[in-house]
Protein backbone atom coordinates (compact mmCIF):
# COMPACT_ATOMS: atom_id res chain seq x y z
CA UNK A 1 -63.07 75.62 -15.67
CA UNK A 2 -60.69 77.96 -17.50
CA UNK A 3 -57.70 76.14 -16.02
CA UNK A 4 -59.29 72.76 -16.85
CA UNK A 5 -60.01 73.71 -20.46
CA UNK A 6 -56.58 75.22 -20.93
CA UNK A 7 -55.93 76.16 -24.54
CA UNK A 8 -58.10 73.82 -26.64
CA UNK A 9 -56.21 72.47 -29.66
CA UNK A 10 -58.88 73.58 -32.13
CA UNK A 11 -58.93 77.21 -30.87
CA UNK A 12 -57.02 79.87 -32.76
CA UNK A 13 -58.57 83.10 -31.42
CA UNK A 14 -60.17 84.34 -28.23
CA UNK A 15 -63.54 84.06 -30.02
CA UNK A 16 -62.91 80.34 -30.57
CA UNK A 17 -61.94 79.95 -26.93
CA UNK A 18 -65.07 81.78 -25.77
CA UNK A 19 -67.24 79.45 -27.86
CA UNK A 20 -65.65 76.36 -26.29
CA UNK A 21 -66.06 77.91 -22.83
CA UNK A 22 -69.73 78.71 -23.46
CA UNK A 23 -70.44 75.25 -24.88
CA UNK A 24 -68.91 73.68 -21.76
CA UNK A 25 -70.97 75.88 -19.44
CA UNK A 26 -74.20 75.23 -21.32
CA UNK A 27 -73.37 71.53 -21.62
CA UNK A 28 -73.65 71.24 -17.85
CA UNK A 29 -77.38 71.90 -18.13
CA UNK A 30 -78.31 69.58 -20.99
CA UNK A 31 -81.08 67.21 -20.05
CA UNK A 32 -81.90 69.10 -16.87
CA UNK A 33 -84.89 71.22 -16.05
CA UNK A 34 -85.36 74.41 -17.99
CA UNK A 35 -82.68 76.92 -17.11
CA UNK A 36 -83.46 80.60 -17.56
CA UNK A 37 -80.30 82.06 -16.04
CA UNK A 38 -76.70 81.00 -15.52
CA UNK A 39 -74.36 82.87 -13.18
CA UNK A 40 -70.63 82.29 -13.49
CA UNK A 41 -68.14 83.21 -10.78
CA UNK A 42 -64.51 83.98 -11.55
CA UNK A 43 -61.58 84.17 -9.16
CA UNK A 44 -60.09 87.63 -9.13
CA UNK A 45 -56.48 88.49 -8.35
CA UNK A 46 -56.53 92.24 -8.07
CA UNK A 47 -53.89 92.79 -5.40
CA UNK A 48 -50.46 93.26 -6.94
CA UNK A 49 -48.62 92.48 -3.70
CA UNK A 50 -50.49 89.52 -2.27
CA UNK A 51 -49.07 86.20 -1.07
CA UNK A 52 -50.61 84.51 -4.09
CA UNK A 53 -48.86 86.93 -6.45
CA UNK A 54 -45.44 86.16 -5.00
CA UNK A 55 -46.17 82.41 -5.06
CA UNK A 56 -47.22 82.65 -8.70
CA UNK A 57 -44.02 84.50 -9.60
CA UNK A 58 -41.92 81.83 -7.87
CA UNK A 59 -43.80 79.07 -9.71
CA UNK A 60 -43.20 80.68 -13.10
CA UNK A 61 -39.65 81.62 -12.18
CA UNK A 62 -39.70 85.20 -13.42
CA UNK A 63 -41.72 88.38 -13.49
CA UNK A 64 -44.96 87.90 -15.40
CA UNK A 65 -45.34 90.47 -18.14
CA UNK A 66 -47.31 88.96 -21.01
CA UNK A 67 -50.28 91.31 -20.91
CA UNK A 68 -52.79 90.55 -23.64
CA UNK A 69 -56.20 92.19 -23.77
CA UNK A 70 -58.58 89.49 -25.10
CA UNK A 71 -60.53 90.50 -28.18
CA UNK A 72 -62.49 88.28 -30.57
CA UNK A 73 -60.01 88.27 -33.46
CA UNK A 74 -56.78 88.26 -31.45
CA UNK A 75 -54.92 84.94 -31.67
CA UNK A 76 -54.52 83.00 -28.45
CA UNK A 77 -51.08 83.30 -26.86
CA UNK A 78 -48.51 80.60 -27.59
CA UNK A 79 -48.09 79.80 -23.90
CA UNK A 80 -51.49 79.64 -22.23
CA UNK A 81 -49.88 78.90 -18.85
CA UNK A 82 -47.86 82.12 -18.95
CA UNK A 83 -50.87 84.09 -20.16
CA UNK A 84 -53.21 82.80 -17.48
CA UNK A 85 -50.59 83.29 -14.73
CA UNK A 86 -50.82 87.09 -15.02
CA UNK A 87 -53.60 88.56 -12.87
CA UNK A 88 -54.45 91.29 -15.39
CA UNK A 89 -54.90 88.68 -18.12
CA UNK A 90 -57.23 86.65 -15.91
CA UNK A 91 -59.31 89.70 -15.08
CA UNK A 92 -59.62 90.75 -18.74
CA UNK A 93 -60.39 87.19 -19.81
CA UNK A 94 -63.17 86.98 -17.20
CA UNK A 95 -64.64 90.23 -18.52
CA UNK A 96 -64.33 89.05 -22.13
CA UNK A 97 -65.99 85.69 -21.41
CA UNK A 98 -68.75 87.36 -19.38
CA UNK A 99 -69.62 89.66 -22.24
């Protein structure tokens, strides 16, 4: 879903992005039976030297180093693709969105 949403045009901060994410998740349950709990699963890329890491580096064409710790008031990065390509960014974004 994060890849599908990308960087929504109307989002300026991580708080804005989290609101769009949450609205999309909750929108999946509109009109259905009463939902009392929603579990969300995130992919995790925690191994620095995995096959996926090397493939990602080749795809981007350089070492990925745009580490941004998501916080509510921090502006979204200019290049969402570069941001989301870094495993540490994905992990922190998953934690931020979960909270």
